[in-house]
Amino acid sequence: MSNKELAGKIRELAKEKNAIILAHNYQVPEVQDIADLTGDSLALSIQASETEADIIIFCGVRFMAETAAIVCPDKKVILPVKNAGCGMADMLNASELKAEKAKYPGIPVVTYVNSTAEVKAESDICCTSANAVQVVKSLKATEVLMTPDKNLAMWAQRHTDKKIHYWSGYCPIHNELTIDQIKKAKAAHPEALLMAHPECVPEVLDMADAVRSTSGMLIFAAESKAKEFIVATEVGLLHQLKKQNPAKQFYAASSEMICKDMKKTGLKELLRALQTEGPVIILPEPIRLRALKAVERMMAVPRD
């Protein structure tokens, strides 16, 4: 079956089953193009919760589908590829977080949404890469524990006077981007502005013209008068950047910034998920409710 035929069958089934298709910005282009909504994980989950859909097909990785299940208890949430995981999320489990919390009694835990539902449930408040600084600043405590991404924590530390303790996790894709790779990209595209994701190491962020989340990069690129951009995040974002800004040029900071788990979902996997209505993400209700509190506390934080 051709991609065109697959796409037609997917749209037909989605309508028949009242399903909404969500695709993260790092998914392959053909999946992004067929999705009802594209974006970052939390925004997609929240948007999906506000629809009348009965089924959510989340084209992304497991923690994203779990987040959708946390905020959409009335919907069936499906992750097309069961073993599409996240290296960062896998670097911290609930038992490890409990042990870490014991070292810092009374200190609030701020957990990045790139984490498992069990870890969110052990946290006081969640954050995204876009609002981490605002979330930390919103807390009355003078010290916080941030998990699981050390680079995001160090970025937040730069912009607040609170003391931040952090777990030593990281994104295997962003953390490996080097200064030398950035220098090569800048040499090849001297007129381009560098947009970097806060999951990158501090030395890379120091070289950036703008440090933004994926959604933030889309906004920055659209609003900037610049015509060329080097993009220091997973290469999947380039598709949306080019699609939304056809008159501008975008270059990957490194062609090696590819998340294999994000690329596991294709049109065939998406169609199978619709046909079988699985694999379904099921969370124990006590964990879901505790994780939801952490997400809701984040949503209550005023934006700058």
C-alpha atoms as a PDB file:
ATOM      1  CA  MET A   1       0.000   0.000   0.000  1.00  0.00           C
ATOM      2  CA  SER A   2       1.392   3.419  -0.967  1.00  0.00           C
ATOM      3  CA  ASN A   3       1.728   6.283   1.524  1.00  0.00           C
ATOM      4  CA  LYS A   4      -1.186   8.012  -0.168  1.00  0.00           C
ATOM      5  CA  GLU A   5      -3.371   4.922   0.232  1.00  0.00           C
ATOM      6  CA  LEU A   6      -2.235   4.473   3.830  1.00  0.00           C
ATOM      7  CA  ALA A   7      -3.021   8.108   4.596  1.00  0.00           C
ATOM      8  CA  GLY A   8      -6.483   7.772   3.079  1.00  0.00           C
ATOM      9  CA  LYS A   9      -7.242   4.653   5.106  1.00  0.00           C
ATOM     10  CA  ILE A  10      -5.947   6.308   8.297  1.00  0.00           C
ATOM     11  CA  ARG A  11      -8.149   9.377   7.858  1.00  0.00           C
ATOM     12  CA  GLU A  12     -11.153   7.181   7.074  1.00  0.00           C
ATOM     13  CA  LEU A  13     -10.668   5.041  10.172  1.00  0.00           C
ATOM     14  CA  ALA A  14      -9.939   7.999  12.430  1.00  0.00           C
ATOM     15  CA  LYS A  15     -13.233   9.600  11.411  1.00  0.00           C
ATOM     16  CA  GLU A  16     -15.121   6.326  11.785  1.00  0.00           C
ATOM     17  CA  LYS A  17     -13.754   5.724  15.288  1.00  0.00           C
ATOM     18  CA  ASN A  18     -13.856   9.365  16.431  1.00  0.00           C
ATOM     19  CA  ALA A  19     -10.103   9.297  17.000  1.00  0.00           C
ATOM     20  CA  ILE A  20      -7.733  12.249  17.134  1.00  0.00           C
ATOM     21  CA  ILE A  21      -4.161  11.811  15.894  1.00  0.00           C
ATOM     22  CA  LEU A  22      -1.436  13.672  17.758  1.00  0.00           C
ATOM     23  CA  ALA A  23       2.137  13.894  16.466  1.00  0.00           C
ATOM     24  CA  HIS A  24       5.117  15.267  18.309  1.00  0.00           C
ATOM     25  CA  ASN A  25       7.395  17.686  16.455  1.00  0.00           C
ATOM     26  CA  TYR A  26      10.102  14.992  16.238  1.00  0.00           C
ATOM     27  CA  GLN A  27       7.976  12.450  14.344  1.00  0.00           C
ATOM     28  CA  VAL A  28       8.689  11.556  10.704  1.00  0.00           C
ATOM     29  CA  PRO A  29       7.252  14.064   8.190  1.00  0.00           C
ATOM     30  CA  GLU A  30       4.482  11.833   6.833  1.00  0.00           C
ATOM     31  CA  VAL A  31       3.135  11.267  10.344  1.00  0.00           C
ATOM     32  CA  GLN A  32       3.297  14.972  11.174  1.00  0.00           C
ATOM     33  CA  ASP A  33       1.444  15.746   7.946  1.00  0.00           C
ATOM     34  CA  ILE A  34      -1.457  13.392   8.632  1.00  0.00           C
ATOM     35  CA  ALA A  35      -1.905  14.370  12.281  1.00  0.00           C
ATOM     36  CA  ASP A  36      -4.812  16.473  13.518  1.00  0.00           C
ATOM     37  CA  LEU A  37      -2.433  18.274  15.866  1.00  0.00           C
ATOM     38  CA  THR A  38       1.342  18.617  15.985  1.00  0.00           C
ATOM     39  CA  GLY A  39       3.370  20.169  18.769  1.00  0.00           C
ATOM     40  CA  ASP A  40       5.136  19.390  22.024  1.00  0.00           C
ATOM     41  CA  SER A  41       3.902  16.643  24.311  1.00  0.00           C
ATOM     42  CA  LEU A  42       2.085  18.533  27.050  1.00  0.00           C
ATOM     43  CA  ALA A  43       0.375  21.039  24.754  1.00  0.00           C
ATOM     44  CA  LEU A  44      -0.871  18.171  22.587  1.00  0.00           C
ATOM     45  CA  SER A  45      -2.289  16.343  25.608  1.00  0.00           C
ATOM     46  CA  ILE A  46      -4.091  19.431  26.845  1.00  0.00           C
ATOM     47  CA  GLN A  47      -5.496  20.216  23.398  1.00  0.00           C
ATOM     48  CA  ALA A  48      -6.680  16.618  23.050  1.00  0.00           C
ATOM     49  CA  SER A  49      -8.436  16.770  26.427  1.00  0.00           C
ATOM     50  CA  GLU A  50     -10.554  19.633  25.115  1.00  0.00           C
ATOM     51  CA  THR A  51     -11.841  17.705  22.083  1.00  0.00           C
ATOM     52  CA  GLU A  52     -14.820  15.381  21.736  1.00  0.00           C
ATOM     53  CA  ALA A  53     -12.643  12.501  20.512  1.00  0.00           C
ATOM     54  CA  ASP A  54     -13.096   9.077  22.069  1.00  0.00           C
ATOM     55  CA  ILE A  55      -9.631   7.826  21.111  1.00  0.00           C
ATOM     56  CA  ILE A  56      -6.236   9.521  21.189  1.00  0.00           C
ATOM     57  CA  ILE A  57      -3.526   8.101  18.966  1.00  0.00           C
ATOM     58  CA  PHE A  58      -0.301   9.626  20.288  1.00  0.00           C
ATOM     59  CA  CYS A  59       2.525   9.419  17.788  1.00  0.00           C
ATOM     60  CA  GLY A  60       5.502   9.952  20.046  1.00  0.00           C
ATOM     61  CA  VAL A  61       7.125   8.059  22.909  1.00  0.00           C
ATOM     62  CA  ARG A  62       5.675   6.402  25.988  1.00  0.00           C
ATOM     63  CA  PHE A  63       5.908   9.254  28.505  1.00  0.00           C
ATOM     64  CA  MET A  64       3.943  11.445  26.083  1.00  0.00           C
ATOM     65  CA  ALA A  65       1.116   8.937  25.786  1.00  0.00           C
ATOM     66  CA  GLU A  66       1.176   8.543  29.580  1.00  0.00           C
ATOM     67  CA  THR A  67       0.811  12.311  29.956  1.00  0.00           C
ATOM     68  CA  ALA A  68      -2.218  12.201  27.666  1.00  0.00           C
ATOM     69  CA  ALA A  69      -3.663   9.401  29.806  1.00  0.00           C
ATOM     70  CA  ILE A  70      -3.059  11.503  32.922  1.00  0.00           C
ATOM     71  CA  VAL A  71      -5.029  14.491  31.638  1.00  0.00           C
ATOM     72  CA  CYS A  72      -7.592  12.604  29.509  1.00  0.00           C
ATOM     73  CA  PRO A  73      -9.050   9.872  31.763  1.00  0.00           C
ATOM     74  CA  ASP A  74     -12.241   9.719  29.714  1.00  0.00           C
ATOM     75  CA  LYS A  75     -10.435   8.813  26.494  1.00  0.00           C
ATOM     76  CA  LYS A  76      -8.669   5.678  25.238  1.00  0.00           C
ATOM     77  CA  VAL A  77      -5.006   6.596  24.729  1.00  0.00           C
ATOM     78  CA  ILE A  78      -2.996   4.542  22.261  1.00  0.00           C
ATOM     79  CA  LEU A  79       0.765   4.523  21.652  1.00  0.00           C
ATOM     80  CA  PRO A  80       1.235   2.987  18.164  1.00  0.00           C
ATOM     81  CA  VAL A  81       4.624   1.424  18.982  1.00  0.00           C
ATOM     82  CA  LYS A  82       4.738  -0.108  22.455  1.00  0.00           C
ATOM     83  CA  ASN A  83       8.534   0.039  22.821  1.00  0.00           C
ATOM     84  CA  ALA A  84       8.917   3.671  21.721  1.00  0.00           C
ATOM     85  CA  GLY A  85      10.646   4.925  24.842  1.00  0.00           C
ATOM     86  CA  CYS A  86      12.681   7.880  26.059  1.00  0.00           C
ATOM     87  CA  GLY A  87      16.260   7.558  27.226  1.00  0.00           C
ATOM     88  CA  MET A  88      15.909  10.482  29.602  1.00  0.00           C
ATOM     89  CA  ALA A  89      12.669   9.255  31.181  1.00  0.00           C
ATOM     90  CA  ASP A  90      14.261   5.847  31.713  1.00  0.00           C
ATOM     91  CA  MET A  91      17.100   7.428  33.756  1.00  0.00           C
ATOM     92  CA  LEU A  92      14.874   7.929  36.812  1.00  0.00           C
ATOM     93  CA  ASN A  93      12.271   5.690  38.414  1.00  0.00           C
ATOM     94  CA  ALA A  94       9.959   6.242  41.384  1.00  0.00           C
ATOM     95  CA  SER A  95      12.145   4.321  43.844  1.00  0.00           C
ATOM     96  CA  GLU A  96      15.205   6.351  42.898  1.00  0.00           C
ATOM     97  CA  LEU A  97      13.280   9.578  43.266  1.00  0.00           C
ATOM     98  CA  LYS A  98      12.002   8.559  46.706  1.00  0.00           C
ATOM     99  CA  ALA A  99      15.580   7.890  47.785  1.00  0.00           C
ATOM    100  CA  GLU A 100      16.743  11.232  46.372  1.00  0.00           C
ATOM    101  CA  LYS A 101      13.902  13.082  48.090  1.00  0.00           C
ATOM    102  CA  ALA A 102      15.019  11.607  51.394  1.00  0.00           C
ATOM    103  CA  LYS A 103      18.330  13.479  51.013  1.00  0.00           C
ATOM    104  CA  TYR A 104      16.475  16.797  50.776  1.00  0.00           C
ATOM    105  CA  PRO A 105      13.567  16.648  53.242  1.00  0.00           C
ATOM    106  CA  GLY A 106      11.002  19.387  52.783  1.00  0.00           C
ATOM    107  CA  ILE A 107      12.419  20.561  49.468  1.00  0.00           C
ATOM    108  CA  PRO A 108       9.876  20.615  46.595  1.00  0.00           C
ATOM    109  CA  VAL A 109      10.455  18.373  43.595  1.00  0.00           C
ATOM    110  CA  VAL A 110      10.132  19.908  40.133  1.00  0.00           C
ATOM    111  CA  THR A 111       9.891  17.235  37.449  1.00  0.00           C
ATOM    112  CA  TYR A 112      10.213  17.739  33.719  1.00  0.00           C
ATOM    113  CA  VAL A 113       7.269  16.329  31.765  1.00  0.00           C
ATOM    114  CA  ASN A 114       9.809  14.066  30.014  1.00  0.00           C
ATOM    115  CA  SER A 115       9.341  11.522  32.794  1.00  0.00           C
ATOM    116  CA  THR A 116       7.232   8.507  33.662  1.00  0.00           C
ATOM    117  CA  ALA A 117       3.822   8.794  35.304  1.00  0.00           C
ATOM    118  CA  GLU A 118       5.241   7.127  38.422  1.00  0.00           C
ATOM    119  CA  VAL A 119       7.944   9.789  38.715  1.00  0.00           C
ATOM    120  CA  LYS A 120       5.428  12.587  38.169  1.00  0.00           C
ATOM    121  CA  ALA A 121       3.332  11.053  40.957  1.00  0.00           C
ATOM    122  CA  GLU A 122       6.286  11.406  43.355  1.00  0.00           C
ATOM    123  CA  SER A 123       6.773  15.055  42.380  1.00  0.00           C
ATOM    124  CA  ASP A 124       5.302  18.292  43.711  1.00  0.00           C
ATOM    125  CA  ILE A 125       5.029  20.088  40.389  1.00  0.00           C
ATOM    126  CA  CYS A 126       5.884  19.471  36.732  1.00  0.00           C
ATOM    127  CA  CYS A 127       7.539  21.785  34.245  1.00  0.00           C
ATOM    128  CA  THR A 128       8.193  21.930  30.521  1.00  0.00           C
ATOM    129  CA  SER A 129      11.291  23.133  28.725  1.00  0.00           C
ATOM    130  CA  ALA A 130       9.366  26.336  28.022  1.00  0.00           C
ATOM    131  CA  ASN A 131       8.276  27.161  31.571  1.00  0.00           C
ATOM    132  CA  ALA A 132      10.933  25.578  33.828  1.00  0.00           C
ATOM    133  CA  VAL A 133      12.240  28.967  34.970  1.00  0.00           C
ATOM    134  CA  GLN A 134       8.761  30.301  35.780  1.00  0.00           C
ATOM    135  CA  VAL A 135       7.874  27.126  37.688  1.00  0.00           C
ATOM    136  CA  VAL A 136      11.022  27.280  39.839  1.00  0.00           C
ATOM    137  CA  LYS A 137      10.485  30.991  40.524  1.00  0.00           C
ATOM    138  CA  SER A 138       6.861  30.353  41.524  1.00  0.00           C
ATOM    139  CA  LEU A 139       7.868  28.174  44.478  1.00  0.00           C
ATOM    140  CA  LYS A 140       8.305  29.765  47.906  1.00  0.00           C
ATOM    141  CA  ALA A 141      11.130  27.404  48.864  1.00  0.00           C
ATOM    142  CA  THR A 142      14.701  28.690  48.518  1.00  0.00           C
ATOM    143  CA  GLU A 143      15.881  25.269  47.319  1.00  0.00           C
ATOM    144  CA  VAL A 144      14.345  22.800  44.864  1.00  0.00           C
ATOM    145  CA  LEU A 145      15.154  19.360  43.475  1.00  0.00           C
ATOM    146  CA  MET A 146      14.802  19.127  39.691  1.00  0.00           C
ATOM    147  CA  THR A 147      14.495  15.857  37.814  1.00  0.00           C
ATOM    148  CA  PRO A 148      15.349  14.137  35.553  1.00  0.00           C
ATOM    149  CA  ASP A 149      17.274  16.487  33.191  1.00  0.00           C
ATOM    150  CA  LYS A 150      20.456  18.050  34.562  1.00  0.00           C
ATOM    151  CA  ASN A 151      20.846  20.391  31.579  1.00  0.00           C
ATOM    152  CA  LEU A 152      17.372  21.870  31.957  1.00  0.00           C
ATOM    153  CA  ALA A 153      18.046  22.255  35.681  1.00  0.00           C
ATOM    154  CA  MET A 154      21.308  24.076  35.029  1.00  0.00           C
ATOM    155  CA  TRP A 155      19.546  26.328  32.527  1.00  0.00           C
ATOM    156  CA  ALA A 156      16.876  27.148  35.122  1.00  0.00           C
ATOM    157  CA  GLN A 157      19.581  27.792  37.720  1.00  0.00           C
ATOM    158  CA  ARG A 158      20.988  30.583  35.553  1.00  0.00           C
ATOM    159  CA  HIS A 159      17.702  32.452  35.710  1.00  0.00           C
ATOM    160  CA  THR A 160      16.731  32.140  39.358  1.00  0.00           C
ATOM    161  CA  ASP A 161      18.351  32.870  42.704  1.00  0.00           C
ATOM    162  CA  LYS A 162      17.087  29.607  44.184  1.00  0.00           C
ATOM    163  CA  LYS A 163      19.489  26.749  44.831  1.00  0.00           C
ATOM    164  CA  ILE A 164      18.732  23.856  42.483  1.00  0.00           C
ATOM    165  CA  HIS A 165      19.732  20.291  43.261  1.00  0.00           C
ATOM    166  CA  TYR A 166      19.327  17.997  40.289  1.00  0.00           C
ATOM    167  CA  TRP A 167      19.245  14.404  39.120  1.00  0.00           C
ATOM    168  CA  SER A 168      22.011  13.519  36.659  1.00  0.00           C
ATOM    169  CA  GLY A 169      19.732  12.450  33.789  1.00  0.00           C
ATOM    170  CA  TYR A 170      19.863  13.871  30.280  1.00  0.00           C
ATOM    171  CA  CYS A 171      18.555  13.489  26.751  1.00  0.00           C
ATOM    172  CA  PRO A 172      21.021  11.224  24.889  1.00  0.00           C
ATOM    173  CA  ILE A 173      20.416  13.227  21.701  1.00  0.00           C
ATOM    174  CA  HIS A 174      20.794  16.787  22.983  1.00  0.00           C
ATOM    175  CA  ASN A 175      23.492  16.011  25.530  1.00  0.00           C
ATOM    176  CA  GLU A 176      25.828  14.685  22.832  1.00  0.00           C
ATOM    177  CA  LEU A 177      25.797  17.855  20.730  1.00  0.00           C
ATOM    178  CA  THR A 178      29.275  19.396  20.985  1.00  0.00           C
ATOM    179  CA  ILE A 179      30.797  22.853  20.682  1.00  0.00           C
ATOM    180  CA  ASP A 180      32.843  21.632  17.710  1.00  0.00           C
ATOM    181  CA  GLN A 181      29.680  20.578  15.879  1.00  0.00           C
ATOM    182  CA  ILE A 182      28.167  24.001  16.535  1.00  0.00           C
ATOM    183  CA  LYS A 183      31.322  25.727  15.294  1.00  0.00           C
ATOM    184  CA  LYS A 184      31.187  23.689  12.079  1.00  0.00           C
ATOM    185  CA  ALA A 185      27.524  24.559  11.555  1.00  0.00           C
ATOM    186  CA  LYS A 186      28.221  28.256  12.159  1.00  0.00           C
ATOM    187  CA  ALA A 187      31.164  28.188   9.755  1.00  0.00           C
ATOM    188  CA  ALA A 188      28.981  26.593   7.091  1.00  0.00           C
ATOM    189  CA  HIS A 189      26.128  29.061   7.679  1.00  0.00           C
ATOM    190  CA  PRO A 190      27.674  32.299   8.998  1.00  0.00           C
ATOM    191  CA  GLU A 191      24.479  34.344   8.555  1.00  0.00           C
ATOM    192  CA  ALA A 192      22.267  31.897  10.446  1.00  0.00           C
ATOM    193  CA  LEU A 193      20.972  32.402  13.974  1.00  0.00           C
ATOM    194  CA  LEU A 194      21.441  29.477  16.360  1.00  0.00           C
ATOM    195  CA  MET A 195      18.342  28.194  18.163  1.00  0.00           C
ATOM    196  CA  ALA A 196      19.151  25.657  20.890  1.00  0.00           C
ATOM    197  CA  HIS A 197      16.972  23.478  23.103  1.00  0.00           C
ATOM    198  CA  PRO A 198      17.641  23.758  26.873  1.00  0.00           C
ATOM    199  CA  GLU A 199      18.310  20.010  26.977  1.00  0.00           C
ATOM    200  CA  CYS A 200      21.675  20.837  25.352  1.00  0.00           C
ATOM    201  CA  VAL A 201      24.782  21.186  27.515  1.00  0.00           C
ATOM    202  CA  PRO A 202      25.526  24.660  28.977  1.00  0.00           C
ATOM    203  CA  GLU A 203      28.511  25.242  26.673  1.00  0.00           C
ATOM    204  CA  VAL A 204      26.263  24.855  23.623  1.00  0.00           C
ATOM    205  CA  LEU A 205      23.575  27.107  25.105  1.00  0.00           C
ATOM    206  CA  ASP A 206      26.240  29.776  25.633  1.00  0.00           C
ATOM    207  CA  MET A 207      26.679  29.922  21.854  1.00  0.00           C
ATOM    208  CA  ALA A 208      22.972  30.230  21.048  1.00  0.00           C
ATOM    209  CA  ASP A 209      21.128  33.305  19.850  1.00  0.00           C
ATOM    210  CA  ALA A 210      17.947  31.887  21.354  1.00  0.00           C
ATOM    211  CA  VAL A 211      17.341  29.044  23.829  1.00  0.00           C
ATOM    212  CA  ARG A 212      13.836  27.721  23.268  1.00  0.00           C
ATOM    213  CA  SER A 213      11.590  24.679  23.542  1.00  0.00           C
ATOM    214  CA  THR A 214      10.406  23.153  20.263  1.00  0.00           C
ATOM    215  CA  SER A 215       7.247  25.263  20.299  1.00  0.00           C
ATOM    216  CA  GLY A 216       9.362  28.259  21.264  1.00  0.00           C
ATOM    217  CA  MET A 217      11.626  27.686  18.268  1.00  0.00           C
ATOM    218  CA  LEU A 218       8.634  27.712  15.943  1.00  0.00           C
ATOM    219  CA  ILE A 219       7.523  31.040  17.394  1.00  0.00           C
ATOM    220  CA  PHE A 220      11.045  32.532  17.348  1.00  0.00           C
ATOM    221  CA  ALA A 221      11.636  31.535  13.727  1.00  0.00           C
ATOM    222  CA  ALA A 222       8.289  32.950  12.622  1.00  0.00           C
ATOM    223  CA  GLU A 223       8.794  36.267  14.404  1.00  0.00           C
ATOM    224  CA  SER A 224      12.487  36.763  13.600  1.00  0.00           C
ATOM    225  CA  LYS A 225      13.574  38.912  10.673  1.00  0.00           C
ATOM    226  CA  ALA A 226      16.462  36.499  10.080  1.00  0.00           C
ATOM    227  CA  LYS A 227      16.289  34.302   7.002  1.00  0.00           C
ATOM    228  CA  GLU A 228      18.553  31.449   8.133  1.00  0.00           C
ATOM    229  CA  PHE A 229      18.617  29.352  11.293  1.00  0.00           C
ATOM    230  CA  ILE A 230      20.751  26.569  12.748  1.00  0.00           C
ATOM    231  CA  VAL A 231      18.497  24.274  14.773  1.00  0.00           C
ATOM    232  CA  ALA A 232      20.033  22.542  17.796  1.00  0.00           C
ATOM    233  CA  THR A 233      17.389  19.964  18.547  1.00  0.00           C
ATOM    234  CA  GLU A 234      16.122  16.664  17.103  1.00  0.00           C
ATOM    235  CA  VAL A 235      16.013  16.913  13.296  1.00  0.00           C
ATOM    236  CA  GLY A 236      12.276  16.196  13.128  1.00  0.00           C
ATOM    237  CA  LEU A 237      11.510  19.804  14.041  1.00  0.00           C
ATOM    238  CA  LEU A 238      12.972  21.017  10.748  1.00  0.00           C
ATOM    239  CA  HIS A 239       9.914  19.707   8.917  1.00  0.00           C
ATOM    240  CA  GLN A 240       7.517  22.003  10.786  1.00  0.00           C
ATOM    241  CA  LEU A 241       9.962  24.908  10.672  1.00  0.00           C
ATOM    242  CA  LYS A 242      10.241  24.665   6.880  1.00  0.00           C
ATOM    243  CA  LYS A 243       6.510  24.053   6.469  1.00  0.00           C
ATOM    244  CA  GLN A 244       5.579  27.129   8.502  1.00  0.00           C
ATOM    245  CA  ASN A 245       8.344  29.360   7.132  1.00  0.00           C
ATOM    246  CA  PRO A 246       8.807  28.455   3.436  1.00  0.00           C
ATOM    247  CA  ALA A 247      10.820  31.609   2.689  1.00  0.00           C
ATOM    248  CA  LYS A 248      13.418  30.833   5.354  1.00  0.00           C
ATOM    249  CA  GLN A 249      16.267  28.313   5.537  1.00  0.00           C
ATOM    250  CA  PHE A 250      16.827  25.857   8.385  1.00  0.00           C
ATOM    251  CA  TYR A 251      19.893  23.708   9.013  1.00  0.00           C
ATOM    252  CA  ALA A 252      20.381  20.901  11.526  1.00  0.00           C
ATOM    253  CA  ALA A 253      23.103  21.686  14.061  1.00  0.00           C
ATOM    254  CA  SER A 254      24.149  18.063  13.554  1.00  0.00           C
ATOM    255  CA  SER A 255      22.758  15.372  11.269  1.00  0.00           C
ATOM    256  CA  GLU A 256      23.354  12.960  14.176  1.00  0.00           C
ATOM    257  CA  MET A 257      20.565  14.494  16.277  1.00  0.00           C
ATOM    258  CA  ILE A 258      18.107  11.714  15.482  1.00  0.00           C
ATOM    259  CA  CYS A 259      15.990  10.015  18.141  1.00  0.00           C
ATOM    260  CA  LYS A 260      15.447   6.458  16.922  1.00  0.00           C
ATOM    261  CA  ASP A 261      12.487   5.963  19.243  1.00  0.00           C
ATOM    262  CA  MET A 262      10.757   8.999  17.758  1.00  0.00           C
ATOM    263  CA  LYS A 263      11.194   7.509  14.297  1.00  0.00           C
ATOM    264  CA  LYS A 264       9.635   4.127  15.131  1.00  0.00           C
ATOM    265  CA  THR A 265       6.136   5.276  14.234  1.00  0.00           C
ATOM    266  CA  GLY A 266       5.308   5.355  10.529  1.00  0.00           C
ATOM    267  CA  LEU A 267       2.027   5.301   8.634  1.00  0.00           C
ATOM    268  CA  LYS A 268       1.830   1.488   8.795  1.00  0.00           C
ATOM    269  CA  GLU A 269       2.187   1.526  12.581  1.00  0.00           C
ATOM    270  CA  LEU A 270      -0.364   4.321  12.832  1.00  0.00           C
ATOM    271  CA  LEU A 271      -2.883   2.417  10.715  1.00  0.00           C
ATOM    272  CA  ARG A 272      -2.380  -0.755  12.752  1.00  0.00           C
ATOM    273  CA  ALA A 273      -2.969   1.197  15.971  1.00  0.00           C
ATOM    274  CA  LEU A 274      -6.277   2.462  14.614  1.00  0.00           C
ATOM    275  CA  GLN A 275      -7.321  -0.953  13.356  1.00  0.00           C
ATOM    276  CA  THR A 276      -6.520  -2.785  16.601  1.00  0.00           C
ATOM    277  CA  GLU A 277      -7.135   0.133  18.976  1.00  0.00           C
ATOM    278  CA  GLY A 278      -3.919  -0.705  20.761  1.00  0.00           C
ATOM    279  CA  PRO A 279      -1.510  -0.761  22.483  1.00  0.00           C
ATOM    280  CA  VAL A 280      -3.558   1.101  25.111  1.00  0.00           C
ATOM    281  CA  ILE A 281      -1.858   3.087  27.860  1.00  0.00           C
ATOM    282  CA  ILE A 282      -3.399   2.169  31.207  1.00  0.00           C
ATOM    283  CA  LEU A 283      -2.289   3.868  34.420  1.00  0.00           C
ATOM    284  CA  PRO A 284      -3.232   2.846  37.971  1.00  0.00           C
ATOM    285  CA  GLU A 285      -5.729   5.455  39.163  1.00  0.00           C
ATOM    286  CA  PRO A 286      -3.825   6.420  42.362  1.00  0.00           C
ATOM    287  CA  ILE A 287      -0.708   7.146  40.279  1.00  0.00           C
ATOM    288  CA  ARG A 288      -2.702   9.026  37.648  1.00  0.00           C
ATOM    289  CA  LEU A 289      -4.352  11.259  40.234  1.00  0.00           C
ATOM    290  CA  ARG A 290      -1.090  12.103  41.993  1.00  0.00           C
ATOM    291  CA  ALA A 291       0.637  12.798  38.688  1.00  0.00           C
ATOM    292  CA  LEU A 292      -2.308  14.951  37.623  1.00  0.00           C
ATOM    293  CA  LYS A 293      -1.864  17.138  40.707  1.00  0.00           C
ATOM    294  CA  ALA A 294       1.739  17.852  39.693  1.00  0.00           C
ATOM    295  CA  VAL A 295       0.640  18.745  36.165  1.00  0.00           C
ATOM    296  CA  GLU A 296      -2.247  20.913  37.388  1.00  0.00           C
ATOM    297  CA  ARG A 297       0.025  22.822  39.768  1.00  0.00           C
ATOM    298  CA  MET A 298       2.255  23.624  36.808  1.00  0.00           C
ATOM    299  CA  MET A 299      -0.718  24.806  34.755  1.00  0.00           C
ATOM    300  CA  ALA A 300      -1.648  27.226  37.551  1.00  0.00           C
ATOM    301  CA  VAL A 301       1.730  29.001  37.376  1.00  0.00           C
ATOM    302  CA  PRO A 302       1.341  32.432  35.734  1.00  0.00           C
ATOM    303  CA  ARG A 303       3.244  32.887  32.485  1.00  0.00           C
ATOM    304  CA  ASP A 304       5.668  35.756  32.016  1.00  0.00           C
END
